[in-house]
């Protein structure tokens, strides 16, 4: 009886070891097709646009703001911008979003500084040097009619302009 119990325990341990060993590669190793950074990721888009800003000597702390349009179809941000600085605004849309429209306003949404459509799976960096210091407003709006988990992102950078 003792021999059978010992044999049963060892069989169980061998089976358990085989299962753990055979499942380990699946748990810890993924195929390249399963996990791949692509242009559809907000993280990828923000990283690429940050590279563009840095190449043009803009400072950014990398504080990316992102969210989903299922929560709100329009996103608003307020910035205090200063004369003497130049600013870069990066806006992006994930692969599951429809085109976005981004606009920058001054003077309590009266003065439209720029407005442009941003395509899906893409980002756009807008450059702006204010003629006067003040509060500026950015609006990012979804052109979607459906509720979905479409993702957006934005962040900005600045540099002091030489006089």
N, C-alpha and C. Protein backbone atom coordinates (compact mmCIF):
# COMPACT_ATOMS: atom_id res chain seq x y z
N UNK A 1 0.83 -1.19 0.00
CA UNK A 1 0.00 0.00 0.00
C UNK A 1 0.88 1.25 0.00
N UNK A 2 1.94 1.22 0.79
CA UNK A 2 2.84 2.35 0.88
C UNK A 2 3.52 2.61 -0.47
N UNK A 3 3.86 1.53 -1.16
CA UNK A 3 4.53 1.64 -2.44
C UNK A 3 3.61 2.26 -3.49
N UNK A 4 2.31 1.87 -3.47
CA UNK A 4 1.34 2.41 -4.43
C UNK A 4 1.12 3.90 -4.19
N UNK A 5 1.05 4.32 -2.94
CA UNK A 5 0.86 5.73 -2.61
C UNK A 5 2.06 6.56 -3.05
N UNK A 6 3.23 6.03 -2.83
CA UNK A 6 4.45 6.72 -3.24
C UNK A 6 4.51 6.82 -4.76
N UNK A 7 4.12 5.77 -5.43
CA UNK A 7 4.09 5.74 -6.88
C UNK A 7 3.07 6.75 -7.43
N UNK A 8 1.92 6.86 -6.79
CA UNK A 8 0.88 7.79 -7.17
C UNK A 8 1.34 9.24 -6.98
N UNK A 9 2.01 9.53 -5.85
CA UNK A 9 2.54 10.88 -5.59
C UNK A 9 3.58 11.25 -6.63
N UNK A 10 4.47 10.33 -6.95
CA UNK A 10 5.51 10.65 -7.93
C UNK A 10 4.90 10.84 -9.32
N UNK A 11 3.88 10.05 -9.66
CA UNK A 11 3.21 10.24 -10.95
C UNK A 11 2.53 11.61 -11.02
N UNK A 12 1.91 12.00 -9.94
CA UNK A 12 1.27 13.31 -9.88
C UNK A 12 2.30 14.43 -10.03
N UNK A 13 3.42 14.33 -9.34
CA UNK A 13 4.47 15.35 -9.43
C UNK A 13 5.07 15.41 -10.83
N UNK A 14 5.24 14.27 -11.45
CA UNK A 14 5.76 14.26 -12.82
C UNK A 14 4.78 14.93 -13.77
N UNK A 15 3.51 14.61 -13.64
CA UNK A 15 2.48 15.22 -14.47
C UNK A 15 2.41 16.73 -14.25
N UNK A 16 2.47 17.15 -13.00
CA UNK A 16 2.46 18.57 -12.67
C UNK A 16 3.67 19.29 -13.26
N UNK A 17 4.82 18.68 -13.19
CA UNK A 17 6.05 19.26 -13.75
C UNK A 17 5.93 19.41 -15.26
N UNK A 18 5.39 18.39 -15.92
CA UNK A 18 5.22 18.45 -17.37
C UNK A 18 4.28 19.59 -17.75
N UNK A 19 3.20 19.73 -17.02
CA UNK A 19 2.25 20.81 -17.30
C UNK A 19 2.90 22.18 -17.10
N UNK A 20 3.64 22.34 -16.03
CA UNK A 20 4.29 23.63 -15.77
C UNK A 20 5.34 23.94 -16.82
N UNK A 21 6.10 22.97 -17.19
CA UNK A 21 7.15 23.18 -18.19
C UNK A 21 6.55 23.48 -19.55
N UNK A 22 5.52 22.75 -19.92
CA UNK A 22 4.91 22.96 -21.24
C UNK A 22 4.15 24.27 -21.32
N UNK A 23 3.63 24.76 -20.21
CA UNK A 23 2.89 26.03 -20.25
C UNK A 23 3.80 27.24 -20.08
N UNK A 24 4.98 27.04 -19.56
CA UNK A 24 5.89 28.16 -19.32
C UNK A 24 6.21 28.97 -20.56
N UNK A 25 6.55 28.35 -21.69
CA UNK A 25 6.84 29.17 -22.87
C UNK A 25 5.64 30.00 -23.30
N UNK A 26 4.44 29.48 -23.15
CA UNK A 26 3.26 30.23 -23.52
C UNK A 26 3.05 31.42 -22.60
N UNK A 27 3.32 31.24 -21.34
CA UNK A 27 3.12 32.32 -20.38
C UNK A 27 4.18 33.41 -20.54
N UNK A 28 5.41 33.02 -20.70
CA UNK A 28 6.49 33.99 -20.68
C UNK A 28 6.99 34.42 -22.06
N UNK A 29 6.70 33.66 -23.10
CA UNK A 29 7.18 33.99 -24.44
C UNK A 29 5.99 34.13 -25.36
N UNK A 30 5.86 35.28 -25.97
CA UNK A 30 4.79 35.50 -26.92
C UNK A 30 5.39 35.61 -28.31
N UNK A 31 4.64 35.16 -29.29
CA UNK A 31 5.08 35.31 -30.66
C UNK A 31 5.09 36.79 -31.02
N UNK A 32 5.91 37.14 -31.99
CA UNK A 32 5.96 38.53 -32.44
C UNK A 32 4.62 38.99 -32.98
N UNK A 33 3.83 38.07 -33.53
CA UNK A 33 2.53 38.45 -34.07
C UNK A 33 1.53 38.77 -32.97
N UNK A 34 1.72 38.20 -31.78
CA UNK A 34 0.77 38.41 -30.69
C UNK A 34 0.97 39.74 -29.99
N UNK A 35 2.19 40.21 -29.89
CA UNK A 35 2.47 41.42 -29.14
C UNK A 35 3.41 42.28 -29.95
N UNK A 36 2.90 43.37 -30.45
CA UNK A 36 3.73 44.17 -31.32
C UNK A 36 3.32 45.63 -31.17
N UNK A 37 4.30 46.48 -30.97
CA UNK A 37 4.01 47.90 -30.94
C UNK A 37 3.69 48.33 -32.36
N UNK A 38 2.62 49.05 -32.54
CA UNK A 38 2.22 49.43 -33.90
C UNK A 38 1.73 50.86 -33.90
N UNK A 39 1.47 51.34 -35.08
CA UNK A 39 1.01 52.71 -35.24
C UNK A 39 -0.38 52.93 -34.67
N UNK A 40 -1.06 51.88 -34.27
CA UNK A 40 -2.40 52.01 -33.74
C UNK A 40 -2.41 52.29 -32.25
N UNK A 41 -1.27 52.26 -31.61
CA UNK A 41 -1.19 52.45 -30.16
C UNK A 41 -0.97 53.92 -29.82
N UNK A 42 -1.70 54.41 -28.85
CA UNK A 42 -1.53 55.78 -28.38
C UNK A 42 -0.11 55.98 -27.86
N UNK A 43 0.44 54.97 -27.19
CA UNK A 43 1.80 55.08 -26.67
C UNK A 43 2.81 55.28 -27.80
N UNK A 44 2.62 54.54 -28.88
CA UNK A 44 3.50 54.66 -30.03
C UNK A 44 3.38 56.05 -30.66
N UNK A 45 2.15 56.49 -30.86
CA UNK A 45 1.91 57.81 -31.48
C UNK A 45 2.49 58.93 -30.63
N UNK A 46 2.31 58.85 -29.33
CA UNK A 46 2.84 59.91 -28.47
C UNK A 46 4.37 59.88 -28.48
N UNK A 47 4.96 58.71 -28.52
CA UNK A 47 6.41 58.59 -28.57
C UNK A 47 6.98 59.16 -29.86
N UNK A 48 6.33 58.87 -30.98
CA UNK A 48 6.81 59.39 -32.26
C UNK A 48 6.68 60.92 -32.33
N UNK A 49 5.56 61.45 -31.84
CA UNK A 49 5.39 62.90 -31.88
C UNK A 49 6.35 63.59 -30.91
N UNK A 50 6.65 62.93 -29.80
CA UNK A 50 7.62 63.50 -28.85
C UNK A 50 9.00 63.57 -29.50
N UNK A 51 9.37 62.53 -30.26
CA UNK A 51 10.65 62.56 -30.98
C UNK A 51 10.71 63.76 -31.93
N UNK A 52 9.59 64.03 -32.61
CA UNK A 52 9.53 65.17 -33.53
C UNK A 52 9.74 66.48 -32.78
N UNK A 53 9.10 66.63 -31.62
CA UNK A 53 9.24 67.86 -30.83
C UNK A 53 10.68 68.03 -30.34
N UNK A 54 11.25 66.96 -29.83
CA UNK A 54 12.62 67.03 -29.29
C UNK A 54 13.61 67.37 -30.40
N UNK A 55 13.39 66.83 -31.60
CA UNK A 55 14.27 67.12 -32.73
C UNK A 55 14.24 68.61 -33.09
N UNK A 56 13.16 69.29 -32.77
CA UNK A 56 13.03 70.73 -33.04
C UNK A 56 13.32 71.55 -31.79
N UNK A 57 13.96 70.95 -30.80
CA UNK A 57 14.41 71.61 -29.57
C UNK A 57 13.29 72.07 -28.65
N UNK A 58 12.17 71.37 -28.66
CA UNK A 58 11.08 71.67 -27.73
C UNK A 58 11.27 70.82 -26.49
N UNK A 59 10.94 71.39 -25.34
CA UNK A 59 10.98 70.67 -24.08
C UNK A 59 9.59 70.12 -23.80
N UNK A 60 9.52 68.87 -23.38
CA UNK A 60 8.25 68.29 -22.94
C UNK A 60 8.55 67.33 -21.80
N UNK A 61 7.69 67.31 -20.81
CA UNK A 61 7.90 66.39 -19.70
C UNK A 61 7.29 65.02 -19.97
N UNK A 62 6.66 64.87 -21.12
CA UNK A 62 6.09 63.57 -21.47
C UNK A 62 4.80 63.24 -20.78
N UNK A 63 4.16 64.22 -20.17
CA UNK A 63 2.91 64.01 -19.45
C UNK A 63 1.76 63.93 -20.46
N UNK A 64 1.52 62.73 -20.98
CA UNK A 64 0.51 62.51 -22.00
C UNK A 64 -0.87 62.43 -21.35
N UNK A 65 -1.81 63.15 -21.89
CA UNK A 65 -3.21 63.05 -21.46
C UNK A 65 -3.92 62.20 -22.49
N UNK A 66 -4.70 61.23 -22.03
CA UNK A 66 -5.43 60.39 -22.96
C UNK A 66 -6.75 59.97 -22.33
N UNK A 67 -7.62 59.47 -23.16
CA UNK A 67 -8.92 59.03 -22.70
C UNK A 67 -9.71 58.40 -23.82
N UNK A 68 -10.98 58.18 -23.57
CA UNK A 68 -11.86 57.50 -24.52
C UNK A 68 -13.04 58.40 -24.84
N UNK A 69 -13.42 58.43 -26.13
CA UNK A 69 -14.55 59.25 -26.53
C UNK A 69 -15.88 58.68 -26.08
N UNK A 70 -15.92 57.45 -25.62
CA UNK A 70 -17.17 56.91 -25.10
C UNK A 70 -17.56 57.65 -23.81
N UNK A 71 -16.56 58.24 -23.15
CA UNK A 71 -16.82 59.02 -21.93
C UNK A 71 -17.30 60.43 -22.27
N UNK A 72 -16.77 61.02 -23.33
CA UNK A 72 -17.12 62.37 -23.71
C UNK A 72 -16.71 62.59 -25.16
N UNK A 73 -17.59 63.12 -26.00
CA UNK A 73 -17.30 63.30 -27.43
C UNK A 73 -16.39 64.49 -27.69
N UNK A 74 -16.28 65.40 -26.75
CA UNK A 74 -15.40 66.56 -26.90
C UNK A 74 -14.47 66.64 -25.69
N UNK A 75 -13.22 66.94 -25.97
CA UNK A 75 -12.22 67.08 -24.92
C UNK A 75 -11.73 68.52 -24.96
N UNK A 76 -11.66 69.15 -23.79
CA UNK A 76 -11.20 70.54 -23.70
C UNK A 76 -10.00 70.62 -22.77
N UNK A 77 -9.07 71.48 -23.14
CA UNK A 77 -7.90 71.72 -22.29
C UNK A 77 -7.63 73.22 -22.29
N UNK A 78 -7.18 73.72 -21.17
CA UNK A 78 -6.87 75.14 -21.01
C UNK A 78 -5.38 75.28 -20.75
N UNK A 79 -4.75 76.22 -21.44
CA UNK A 79 -3.31 76.44 -21.30
C UNK A 79 -3.05 77.93 -21.07
N UNK A 80 -2.10 78.22 -20.22
CA UNK A 80 -1.59 79.58 -20.09
C UNK A 80 -0.30 79.63 -20.90
N UNK A 81 -0.33 80.42 -21.97
CA UNK A 81 0.81 80.52 -22.87
C UNK A 81 1.41 81.91 -22.76
N UNK A 82 2.72 82.00 -22.96
CA UNK A 82 3.44 83.25 -22.75
C UNK A 82 4.11 83.73 -24.02
N UNK A 83 3.98 85.01 -24.27
CA UNK A 83 4.69 85.65 -25.37
C UNK A 83 6.18 85.44 -25.10
N UNK A 84 6.94 85.13 -26.14
CA UNK A 84 8.36 84.86 -25.96
C UNK A 84 8.67 83.37 -25.96
N UNK A 85 7.64 82.54 -25.88
CA UNK A 85 7.82 81.09 -25.99
C UNK A 85 7.13 80.60 -27.26
N UNK A 86 7.59 79.49 -27.76
CA UNK A 86 6.95 78.81 -28.87
C UNK A 86 6.41 77.50 -28.32
N UNK A 87 5.25 77.06 -28.78
CA UNK A 87 4.59 75.87 -28.24
C UNK A 87 4.33 74.84 -29.33
N UNK A 88 4.37 73.59 -28.96
CA UNK A 88 4.03 72.48 -29.84
C UNK A 88 2.96 71.65 -29.16
N UNK A 89 1.88 71.37 -29.87
CA UNK A 89 0.79 70.57 -29.35
C UNK A 89 0.68 69.30 -30.19
N UNK A 90 0.72 68.16 -29.56
CA UNK A 90 0.62 66.87 -30.24
C UNK A 90 -0.75 66.27 -29.95
N UNK A 91 -1.47 65.92 -31.02
CA UNK A 91 -2.80 65.32 -30.90
C UNK A 91 -2.78 64.02 -31.67
N UNK A 92 -3.37 62.95 -31.13
CA UNK A 92 -3.38 61.66 -31.83
C UNK A 92 -4.68 60.91 -31.66
N UNK A 93 -4.95 60.03 -32.62
CA UNK A 93 -6.15 59.21 -32.62
C UNK A 93 -5.77 57.75 -32.81
N UNK A 94 -6.28 56.89 -31.96
CA UNK A 94 -5.98 55.46 -32.05
C UNK A 94 -6.70 54.83 -33.24
N UNK A 95 -6.40 53.55 -33.48
CA UNK A 95 -6.95 52.86 -34.65
C UNK A 95 -8.45 52.66 -34.59
N UNK A 96 -9.03 52.72 -33.43
CA UNK A 96 -10.47 52.50 -33.33
C UNK A 96 -11.26 53.80 -33.27
N UNK A 97 -10.62 54.92 -33.57
CA UNK A 97 -11.31 56.22 -33.55
C UNK A 97 -11.58 56.66 -34.97
N UNK A 98 -12.62 57.44 -35.15
CA UNK A 98 -12.81 58.13 -36.42
C UNK A 98 -11.92 59.36 -36.40
N UNK A 99 -11.90 60.08 -37.51
CA UNK A 99 -11.07 61.27 -37.56
C UNK A 99 -11.43 62.25 -36.45
N UNK A 100 -10.43 62.94 -35.96
CA UNK A 100 -10.62 63.96 -34.93
C UNK A 100 -10.50 65.33 -35.56
N UNK A 101 -11.08 66.30 -34.91
CA UNK A 101 -10.87 67.68 -35.30
C UNK A 101 -10.31 68.40 -34.09
N UNK A 102 -9.17 69.03 -34.28
CA UNK A 102 -8.52 69.74 -33.19
C UNK A 102 -8.50 71.23 -33.51
N UNK A 103 -8.84 72.04 -32.52
CA UNK A 103 -8.85 73.49 -32.70
C UNK A 103 -8.22 74.14 -31.49
N UNK A 104 -7.50 75.22 -31.72
CA UNK A 104 -6.93 76.03 -30.65
C UNK A 104 -7.54 77.42 -30.74
N UNK A 105 -8.01 77.91 -29.60
CA UNK A 105 -8.69 79.20 -29.53
C UNK A 105 -8.01 80.10 -28.50
N UNK A 106 -8.13 81.37 -28.71
CA UNK A 106 -7.74 82.36 -27.71
C UNK A 106 -8.95 83.21 -27.40
N UNK A 107 -8.82 84.13 -26.46
CA UNK A 107 -9.87 85.10 -26.16
C UNK A 107 -11.23 84.45 -25.92
N UNK A 108 -11.30 83.53 -24.97
CA UNK A 108 -12.56 82.88 -24.59
C UNK A 108 -13.29 82.22 -25.76
N UNK A 109 -12.58 81.46 -26.57
CA UNK A 109 -13.11 80.73 -27.72
C UNK A 109 -13.57 81.64 -28.86
N UNK A 110 -13.23 82.91 -28.84
CA UNK A 110 -13.64 83.82 -29.91
C UNK A 110 -12.63 83.78 -31.06
N UNK A 111 -11.38 83.81 -30.76
CA UNK A 111 -10.32 83.86 -31.77
C UNK A 111 -9.84 82.43 -32.07
N UNK A 112 -10.12 81.94 -33.28
CA UNK A 112 -9.66 80.60 -33.67
C UNK A 112 -8.25 80.74 -34.26
N UNK A 113 -7.29 80.06 -33.65
CA UNK A 113 -5.90 80.13 -34.07
C UNK A 113 -5.61 79.08 -35.13
N UNK A 114 -6.04 77.86 -34.92
CA UNK A 114 -5.96 76.82 -35.95
C UNK A 114 -7.03 75.78 -35.71
N UNK A 115 -7.35 75.08 -36.78
CA UNK A 115 -8.31 73.99 -36.72
C UNK A 115 -7.95 73.03 -37.83
N UNK A 116 -7.81 71.75 -37.48
CA UNK A 116 -7.41 70.77 -38.48
C UNK A 116 -7.92 69.40 -38.11
N UNK A 117 -8.20 68.58 -39.13
CA UNK A 117 -8.63 67.20 -38.94
C UNK A 117 -7.39 66.32 -38.82
N UNK A 118 -7.44 65.38 -37.91
CA UNK A 118 -6.36 64.42 -37.70
C UNK A 118 -6.90 63.04 -38.05
N UNK A 119 -6.19 62.35 -38.91
CA UNK A 119 -6.64 61.04 -39.36
C UNK A 119 -6.41 59.97 -38.31
N UNK A 120 -7.17 58.90 -38.43
CA UNK A 120 -7.04 57.74 -37.55
C UNK A 120 -5.64 57.15 -37.71
N UNK A 121 -5.10 56.57 -36.64
CA UNK A 121 -3.77 55.95 -36.62
C UNK A 121 -2.68 56.97 -36.91
N UNK A 122 -2.89 58.18 -36.50
CA UNK A 122 -1.93 59.21 -36.82
C UNK A 122 -1.88 60.23 -35.69
N UNK A 123 -0.90 61.09 -35.78
CA UNK A 123 -0.79 62.21 -34.87
C UNK A 123 -0.45 63.44 -35.70
N UNK A 124 -0.63 64.56 -35.10
CA UNK A 124 -0.28 65.83 -35.73
C UNK A 124 0.34 66.70 -34.65
N UNK A 125 1.43 67.37 -35.00
CA UNK A 125 2.04 68.33 -34.08
C UNK A 125 1.78 69.71 -34.65
N UNK A 126 1.15 70.55 -33.85
CA UNK A 126 0.87 71.93 -34.22
C UNK A 126 1.88 72.83 -33.51
N UNK A 127 2.41 73.79 -34.22
CA UNK A 127 3.37 74.72 -33.64
C UNK A 127 2.73 76.11 -33.60
N UNK A 128 2.91 76.78 -32.46
CA UNK A 128 2.27 78.08 -32.28
C UNK A 128 3.12 78.97 -31.39
N UNK A 129 3.29 80.22 -31.81
CA UNK A 129 3.99 81.23 -31.02
C UNK A 129 3.00 82.37 -30.76
N UNK A 130 2.54 82.53 -29.52
CA UNK A 130 1.53 83.55 -29.24
C UNK A 130 2.10 84.97 -29.35
N UNK A 131 1.27 85.85 -29.84
CA UNK A 131 1.65 87.26 -29.93
C UNK A 131 1.48 87.96 -28.59
N UNK A 132 0.67 87.37 -27.72
CA UNK A 132 0.47 87.93 -26.38
C UNK A 132 0.28 86.80 -25.39
N UNK A 133 0.64 87.04 -24.16
CA UNK A 133 0.45 86.05 -23.10
C UNK A 133 -1.03 85.99 -22.74
N UNK A 134 -1.49 84.81 -22.35
CA UNK A 134 -2.88 84.68 -21.95
C UNK A 134 -3.33 83.24 -21.89
N UNK A 135 -4.64 83.08 -21.73
CA UNK A 135 -5.26 81.77 -21.64
C UNK A 135 -5.72 81.34 -23.03
N UNK A 136 -5.38 80.12 -23.38
CA UNK A 136 -5.76 79.55 -24.67
C UNK A 136 -6.48 78.24 -24.41
N UNK A 137 -7.36 77.88 -25.35
CA UNK A 137 -8.23 76.71 -25.17
C UNK A 137 -8.08 75.77 -26.36
N UNK A 138 -7.92 74.51 -26.06
CA UNK A 138 -7.86 73.50 -27.10
C UNK A 138 -9.12 72.65 -27.02
N UNK A 139 -9.66 72.34 -28.18
CA UNK A 139 -10.83 71.47 -28.26
C UNK A 139 -10.50 70.34 -29.23
N UNK A 140 -10.67 69.12 -28.76
CA UNK A 140 -10.51 67.93 -29.60
C UNK A 140 -11.87 67.28 -29.66
N UNK A 141 -12.39 67.13 -30.87
CA UNK A 141 -13.74 66.56 -30.98
C UNK A 141 -13.75 65.34 -31.88
N UNK A 142 -14.58 64.40 -31.51
CA UNK A 142 -14.75 63.17 -32.27
C UNK A 142 -15.82 63.38 -33.32
N UNK A 143 -15.59 62.81 -34.46
CA UNK A 143 -16.60 62.86 -35.53
C UNK A 143 -17.43 61.59 -35.56
N UNK A 144 -17.33 60.78 -34.52
CA UNK A 144 -18.06 59.52 -34.43
C UNK A 144 -19.50 59.73 -34.03
N UNK A 145 -20.37 58.89 -34.58
CA UNK A 145 -21.76 58.89 -34.14
C UNK A 145 -22.02 57.74 -33.17
N UNK A 146 -21.14 56.76 -33.19
CA UNK A 146 -21.35 55.57 -32.36
C UNK A 146 -20.61 55.70 -31.03
N UNK A 147 -21.09 54.97 -30.05
CA UNK A 147 -20.36 54.88 -28.78
C UNK A 147 -19.33 53.78 -28.92
N UNK A 148 -18.10 54.12 -28.65
CA UNK A 148 -17.04 53.11 -28.72
C UNK A 148 -15.95 53.49 -27.75
N UNK A 149 -14.97 52.65 -27.67
CA UNK A 149 -13.82 52.92 -26.81
C UNK A 149 -12.69 53.54 -27.61
N UNK A 150 -13.01 54.40 -28.57
CA UNK A 150 -11.96 55.04 -29.36
C UNK A 150 -11.13 55.94 -28.45
N UNK A 151 -9.83 55.89 -28.67
CA UNK A 151 -8.89 56.55 -27.76
C UNK A 151 -8.24 57.77 -28.42
N UNK A 152 -8.03 58.80 -27.62
CA UNK A 152 -7.36 60.02 -28.05
C UNK A 152 -6.19 60.27 -27.12
N UNK A 153 -5.27 61.16 -27.58
CA UNK A 153 -4.17 61.58 -26.71
C UNK A 153 -3.75 62.99 -27.11
N UNK A 154 -3.21 63.72 -26.14
CA UNK A 154 -2.57 64.99 -26.44
C UNK A 154 -1.51 65.28 -25.39
N UNK A 155 -0.55 66.09 -25.75
CA UNK A 155 0.38 66.70 -24.82
C UNK A 155 1.06 67.84 -25.53
N UNK A 156 1.82 68.60 -24.79
CA UNK A 156 2.44 69.76 -25.42
C UNK A 156 3.85 69.97 -24.91
N UNK A 157 4.58 70.77 -25.67
CA UNK A 157 5.94 71.12 -25.32
C UNK A 157 6.15 72.60 -25.60
N UNK A 158 7.27 73.13 -25.16
CA UNK A 158 7.54 74.54 -25.40
C UNK A 158 9.05 74.76 -25.52
N UNK A 159 9.40 75.92 -26.07
CA UNK A 159 10.78 76.36 -26.06
C UNK A 159 10.76 77.89 -26.07
N UNK A 160 11.77 78.45 -25.45
CA UNK A 160 11.88 79.89 -25.44
C UNK A 160 12.45 80.33 -26.78
N UNK A 161 11.79 81.30 -27.37
CA UNK A 161 12.29 81.80 -28.64
C UNK A 161 13.39 82.82 -28.40
N UNK A 162 14.34 82.83 -29.28
CA UNK A 162 15.47 83.77 -29.14
C UNK A 162 15.05 85.12 -29.67
N UNK A 163 15.41 86.16 -28.95
CA UNK A 163 15.03 87.53 -29.35
C UNK A 163 16.14 88.17 -30.12
